């Protein structure tokens, strides 16, 4: 039995999808799986951008 985990997603723009695809391509060409995974996360909106909130006093 597996637990279902939910990861916060954000709305990805076309630029995010494009830069993620290029990052993924770069990672697959250079043989760096971590760069490829970062591109995938950027394309899917699970890369953590926009997670930190600035608090105003």
PDB file of N, CA and C in Angstrom:
ATOM      1  N   UNK A   1       0.840  -1.181   0.000  1.00  0.00           N
ATOM      2  CA  UNK A   1       0.000   0.000   0.000  1.00  0.00           C
ATOM      3  C   UNK A   1       0.885   1.244   0.000  1.00  0.00           C
ATOM      4  N   UNK A   2       0.622   2.177  -0.902  1.00  0.00           N
ATOM      5  CA  UNK A   2       1.425   3.385  -0.997  1.00  0.00           C
ATOM      6  C   UNK A   2       0.606   4.577  -0.563  1.00  0.00           C
ATOM      7  N   UNK A   3       1.275   5.517   0.073  1.00  0.00           N
ATOM      8  CA  UNK A   3       0.613   6.749   0.495  1.00  0.00           C
ATOM      9  C   UNK A   3       0.642   7.745  -0.656  1.00  0.00           C
ATOM     10  N   UNK A   4      -0.416   8.509  -0.794  1.00  0.00           N
ATOM     11  CA  UNK A   4      -0.473   9.521  -1.838  1.00  0.00           C
ATOM     12  C   UNK A   4       0.067  10.833  -1.284  1.00  0.00           C
ATOM     13  N   UNK A   5       1.094  11.360  -1.956  1.00  0.00           N
ATOM     14  CA  UNK A   5       1.699  12.615  -1.545  1.00  0.00           C
ATOM     15  C   UNK A   5       1.294  13.694  -2.537  1.00  0.00           C
ATOM     16  N   UNK A   6       1.068  14.882  -2.010  1.00  0.00           N
ATOM     17  CA  UNK A   6       0.696  16.014  -2.853  1.00  0.00           C
ATOM     18  C   UNK A   6       1.796  17.050  -2.783  1.00  0.00           C
ATOM     19  N   UNK A   7       2.334  17.420  -3.943  1.00  0.00           N
ATOM     20  CA  UNK A   7       3.363  18.449  -4.000  1.00  0.00           C
ATOM     21  C   UNK A   7       2.748  19.713  -4.571  1.00  0.00           C
ATOM     22  N   UNK A   8       3.028  20.837  -3.926  1.00  0.00           N
ATOM     23  CA  UNK A   8       2.445  22.105  -4.352  1.00  0.00           C
ATOM     24  C   UNK A   8       2.936  22.469  -5.743  1.00  0.00           C
ATOM     25  N   UNK A   9       1.998  22.746  -6.620  1.00  0.00           N
ATOM     26  CA  UNK A   9       2.342  23.146  -7.977  1.00  0.00           C
ATOM     27  C   UNK A   9       2.010  24.606  -8.162  1.00  0.00           C
ATOM     28  N   UNK A  10       2.682  25.225  -9.092  1.00  0.00           N
ATOM     29  CA  UNK A  10       2.339  26.587  -9.467  1.00  0.00           C
ATOM     30  C   UNK A  10       1.980  26.591 -10.942  1.00  0.00           C
ATOM     31  N   UNK A  11       1.365  27.667 -11.360  1.00  0.00           N
ATOM     32  CA  UNK A  11       0.978  27.792 -12.764  1.00  0.00           C
ATOM     33  C   UNK A  11       2.217  28.125 -13.571  1.00  0.00           C
ATOM     34  N   UNK A  12       2.603  27.240 -14.478  1.00  0.00           N
ATOM     35  CA  UNK A  12       3.811  27.462 -15.267  1.00  0.00           C
ATOM     36  C   UNK A  12       3.479  28.284 -16.500  1.00  0.00           C
ATOM     37  N   UNK A  13       4.355  29.221 -16.800  1.00  0.00           N
ATOM     38  CA  UNK A  13       4.188  30.018 -18.005  1.00  0.00           C
ATOM     39  C   UNK A  13       4.826  29.284 -19.183  1.00  0.00           C
ATOM     40  N   UNK A  14       4.637  29.819 -20.361  1.00  0.00           N
ATOM     41  CA  UNK A  14       5.245  29.196 -21.543  1.00  0.00           C
ATOM     42  C   UNK A  14       6.768  29.298 -21.464  1.00  0.00           C
ATOM     43  N   UNK A  15       7.252  30.394 -20.885  1.00  0.00           N
ATOM     44  CA  UNK A  15       8.698  30.554 -20.721  1.00  0.00           C
ATOM     45  C   UNK A  15       9.279  29.515 -19.781  1.00  0.00           C
ATOM     46  N   UNK A  16       8.534  29.173 -18.729  1.00  0.00           N
ATOM     47  CA  UNK A  16       8.973  28.118 -17.819  1.00  0.00           C
ATOM     48  C   UNK A  16       9.067  26.781 -18.537  1.00  0.00           C
ATOM     49  N   UNK A  17       8.067  26.493 -19.351  1.00  0.00           N
ATOM     50  CA  UNK A  17       8.058  25.230 -20.071  1.00  0.00           C
ATOM     51  C   UNK A  17       9.200  25.164 -21.079  1.00  0.00           C
ATOM     52  N   UNK A  18       9.462  26.283 -21.742  1.00  0.00           N
ATOM     53  CA  UNK A  18      10.526  26.328 -22.740  1.00  0.00           C
ATOM     54  C   UNK A  18      11.901  26.210 -22.086  1.00  0.00           C
ATOM     55  N   UNK A  19      12.136  26.983 -21.023  1.00  0.00           N
ATOM     56  CA  UNK A  19      13.436  26.917 -20.365  1.00  0.00           C
ATOM     57  C   UNK A  19      13.643  25.570 -19.682  1.00  0.00           C
ATOM     58  N   UNK A  20      12.566  24.968 -19.181  1.00  0.00           N
ATOM     59  CA  UNK A  20      12.672  23.641 -18.596  1.00  0.00           C
ATOM     60  C   UNK A  20      13.015  22.591 -19.635  1.00  0.00           C
ATOM     61  N   UNK A  21      12.437  22.726 -20.827  1.00  0.00           N
ATOM     62  CA  UNK A  21      12.736  21.775 -21.897  1.00  0.00           C
ATOM     63  C   UNK A  21      14.190  21.907 -22.341  1.00  0.00           C
ATOM     64  N   UNK A  22      14.684  23.139 -22.422  1.00  0.00           N
ATOM     65  CA  UNK A  22      16.083  23.340 -22.805  1.00  0.00           C
ATOM     66  C   UNK A  22      17.028  22.836 -21.723  1.00  0.00           C
ATOM     67  N   UNK A  23      16.659  23.034 -20.471  1.00  0.00           N
ATOM     68  CA  UNK A  23      17.477  22.536 -19.367  1.00  0.00           C
ATOM     69  C   UNK A  23      17.494  21.016 -19.362  1.00  0.00           C
ATOM     70  N   UNK A  24      16.365  20.435 -19.661  1.00  0.00           N
ATOM     71  CA  UNK A  24      16.265  18.979 -19.731  1.00  0.00           C
ATOM     72  C   UNK A  24      17.113  18.421 -20.873  1.00  0.00           C
ATOM     73  N   UNK A  25      17.074  19.119 -22.006  1.00  0.00           N
ATOM     74  CA  UNK A  25      17.884  18.709 -23.156  1.00  0.00           C
ATOM     75  C   UNK A  25      19.371  18.818 -22.839  1.00  0.00           C
ATOM     76  N   UNK A  26      19.734  19.912 -22.175  1.00  0.00           N
ATOM     77  CA  UNK A  26      21.132  20.103 -21.783  1.00  0.00           C
ATOM     78  C   UNK A  26      21.593  18.991 -20.840  1.00  0.00           C
ATOM     79  N   UNK A  27      20.729  18.617 -19.891  1.00  0.00           N
ATOM     80  CA  UNK A  27      21.077  17.559 -18.956  1.00  0.00           C
ATOM     81  C   UNK A  27      21.214  16.206 -19.615  1.00  0.00           C
ATOM     82  N   UNK A  28      20.380  15.948 -20.629  1.00  0.00           N
ATOM     83  CA  UNK A  28      20.470  14.648 -21.284  1.00  0.00           C
ATOM     84  C   UNK A  28      21.668  14.580 -22.222  1.00  0.00           C
ATOM     85  N   UNK A  29      22.032  15.706 -22.823  1.00  0.00           N
ATOM     86  CA  UNK A  29      23.198  15.716 -23.723  1.00  0.00           C
ATOM     87  C   UNK A  29      24.491  15.582 -22.930  1.00  0.00           C
ATOM     88  N   UNK A  30      24.590  16.325 -21.834  1.00  0.00           N
ATOM     89  CA  UNK A  30      25.826  16.306 -21.043  1.00  0.00           C
ATOM     90  C   UNK A  30      25.887  15.128 -20.083  1.00  0.00           C
ATOM     91  N   UNK A  31      24.813  14.365 -19.977  1.00  0.00           N
ATOM     92  CA  UNK A  31      24.814  13.194 -19.112  1.00  0.00           C
ATOM     93  C   UNK A  31      24.743  13.525 -17.642  1.00  0.00           C
ATOM     94  N   UNK A  32      23.999  14.577 -17.310  1.00  0.00           N
ATOM     95  CA  UNK A  32      23.848  14.982 -15.909  1.00  0.00           C
ATOM     96  C   UNK A  32      22.383  14.825 -15.520  1.00  0.00           C
ATOM     97  N   UNK A  33      22.061  13.744 -14.817  1.00  0.00           N
ATOM     98  CA  UNK A  33      20.661  13.475 -14.477  1.00  0.00           C
ATOM     99  C   UNK A  33      20.025  14.533 -13.595  1.00  0.00           C
ATOM    100  N   UNK A  34      20.817  15.194 -12.749  1.00  0.00           N
ATOM    101  CA  UNK A  34      20.251  16.202 -11.855  1.00  0.00           C
ATOM    102  C   UNK A  34      19.768  17.420 -12.626  1.00  0.00           C
ATOM    103  N   UNK A  35      20.493  17.797 -13.666  1.00  0.00           N
ATOM    104  CA  UNK A  35      20.086  18.934 -14.494  1.00  0.00           C
ATOM    105  C   UNK A  35      18.833  18.578 -15.286  1.00  0.00           C
ATOM    106  N   UNK A  36      18.780  17.345 -15.754  1.00  0.00           N
ATOM    107  CA  UNK A  36      17.606  16.869 -16.482  1.00  0.00           C
ATOM    108  C   UNK A  36      16.376  16.877 -15.577  1.00  0.00           C
ATOM    109  N   UNK A  37      16.548  16.442 -14.332  1.00  0.00           N
ATOM    110  CA  UNK A  37      15.437  16.427 -13.379  1.00  0.00           C
ATOM    111  C   UNK A  37      14.993  17.838 -13.026  1.00  0.00           C
ATOM    112  N   UNK A  38      15.946  18.778 -12.941  1.00  0.00           N
ATOM    113  CA  UNK A  38      15.594  20.164 -12.644  1.00  0.00           C
ATOM    114  C   UNK A  38      14.765  20.761 -13.770  1.00  0.00           C
ATOM    115  N   UNK A  39      15.084  20.396 -15.002  1.00  0.00           N
ATOM    116  CA  UNK A  39      14.294  20.859 -16.142  1.00  0.00           C
ATOM    117  C   UNK A  39      12.884  20.317 -16.104  1.00  0.00           C
ATOM    118  N   UNK A  40      12.757  19.058 -15.719  1.00  0.00           N
ATOM    119  CA  UNK A  40      11.430  18.442 -15.612  1.00  0.00           C
ATOM    120  C   UNK A  40      10.616  19.122 -14.528  1.00  0.00           C
ATOM    121  N   UNK A  41      11.260  19.393 -13.389  1.00  0.00           N
ATOM    122  CA  UNK A  41      10.546  20.067 -12.297  1.00  0.00           C
ATOM    123  C   UNK A  41      10.120  21.464 -12.699  1.00  0.00           C
ATOM    124  N   UNK A  42      10.944  22.153 -13.472  1.00  0.00           N
ATOM    125  CA  UNK A  42      10.573  23.496 -13.908  1.00  0.00           C
ATOM    126  C   UNK A  42       9.399  23.444 -14.881  1.00  0.00           C
ATOM    127  N   UNK A  43       9.384  22.433 -15.750  1.00  0.00           N
ATOM    128  CA  UNK A  43       8.283  22.302 -16.700  1.00  0.00           C
ATOM    129  C   UNK A  43       6.966  21.987 -15.993  1.00  0.00           C
ATOM    130  N   UNK A  44       7.044  21.211 -14.919  1.00  0.00           N
ATOM    131  CA  UNK A  44       5.826  20.782 -14.233  1.00  0.00           C
ATOM    132  C   UNK A  44       5.374  21.745 -13.140  1.00  0.00           C
ATOM    133  N   UNK A  45       6.211  22.741 -12.800  1.00  0.00           N
ATOM    134  CA  UNK A  45       5.826  23.714 -11.784  1.00  0.00           C
ATOM    135  C   UNK A  45       6.059  23.241 -10.372  1.00  0.00           C
ATOM    136  N   UNK A  46       6.910  22.246 -10.191  1.00  0.00           N
ATOM    137  CA  UNK A  46       7.175  21.730  -8.851  1.00  0.00           C
ATOM    138  C   UNK A  46       8.614  22.022  -8.430  1.00  0.00           C
ATOM    139  N   UNK A  47       9.200  23.082  -8.977  1.00  0.00           N
ATOM    140  CA  UNK A  47      10.596  23.389  -8.687  1.00  0.00           C
ATOM    141  C   UNK A  47      10.767  24.259  -7.452  1.00  0.00           C
ATOM    142  N   UNK A  48       9.671  24.715  -6.867  1.00  0.00           N
ATOM    143  CA  UNK A  48       9.756  25.488  -5.633  1.00  0.00           C
ATOM    144  C   UNK A  48       9.897  26.976  -5.832  1.00  0.00           C
ATOM    145  N   UNK A  49       9.800  27.455  -7.056  1.00  0.00           N
ATOM    146  CA  UNK A  49       9.860  28.902  -7.268  1.00  0.00           C
ATOM    147  C   UNK A  49       8.595  29.539  -6.722  1.00  0.00           C
ATOM    148  N   UNK A  50       8.750  30.654  -6.044  1.00  0.00           N
ATOM    149  CA  UNK A  50       7.607  31.336  -5.474  1.00  0.00           C
ATOM    150  C   UNK A  50       7.137  30.748  -4.161  1.00  0.00           C
ATOM    151  N   UNK A  51       7.972  29.894  -3.546  1.00  0.00           N
ATOM    152  CA  UNK A  51       7.565  29.256  -2.301  1.00  0.00           C
ATOM    153  C   UNK A  51       7.795  30.155  -1.095  1.00  0.00           C
ATOM    154  N   UNK A  52       8.808  31.001  -1.169  1.00  0.00           N
ATOM    155  CA  UNK A  52       9.126  31.893  -0.041  1.00  0.00           C
ATOM    156  C   UNK A  52       8.292  33.153  -0.143  1.00  0.00           C
ATOM    157  N   UNK A  53       7.660  33.506   0.951  1.00  0.00           N
ATOM    158  CA  UNK A  53       6.852  34.723   1.000  1.00  0.00           C
ATOM    159  C   UNK A  53       7.600  35.786   1.785  1.00  0.00           C
ATOM    160  N   UNK A  54       7.540  36.995   1.310  1.00  0.00           N
ATOM    161  CA  UNK A  54       8.141  38.117   2.020  1.00  0.00           C
ATOM    162  C   UNK A  54       7.086  38.734   2.924  1.00  0.00           C
ATOM    163  N   UNK A  55       7.433  38.901   4.185  1.00  0.00           N
ATOM    164  CA  UNK A  55       6.502  39.498   5.135  1.00  0.00           C
ATOM    165  C   UNK A  55       6.826  40.968   5.331  1.00  0.00           C
ATOM    166  N   UNK A  56       5.831  41.781   5.179  1.00  0.00           N
ATOM    167  CA  UNK A  56       5.999  43.212   5.415  1.00  0.00           C
ATOM    168  C   UNK A  56       5.508  43.530   6.822  1.00  0.00           C
ATOM    169  N   UNK A  57       6.250  44.363   7.487  1.00  0.00           N
ATOM    170  CA  UNK A  57       5.885  44.722   8.859  1.00  0.00           C
ATOM    171  C   UNK A  57       5.020  45.946   8.902  1.00  0.00           C
TER     172      UNK A  57
END
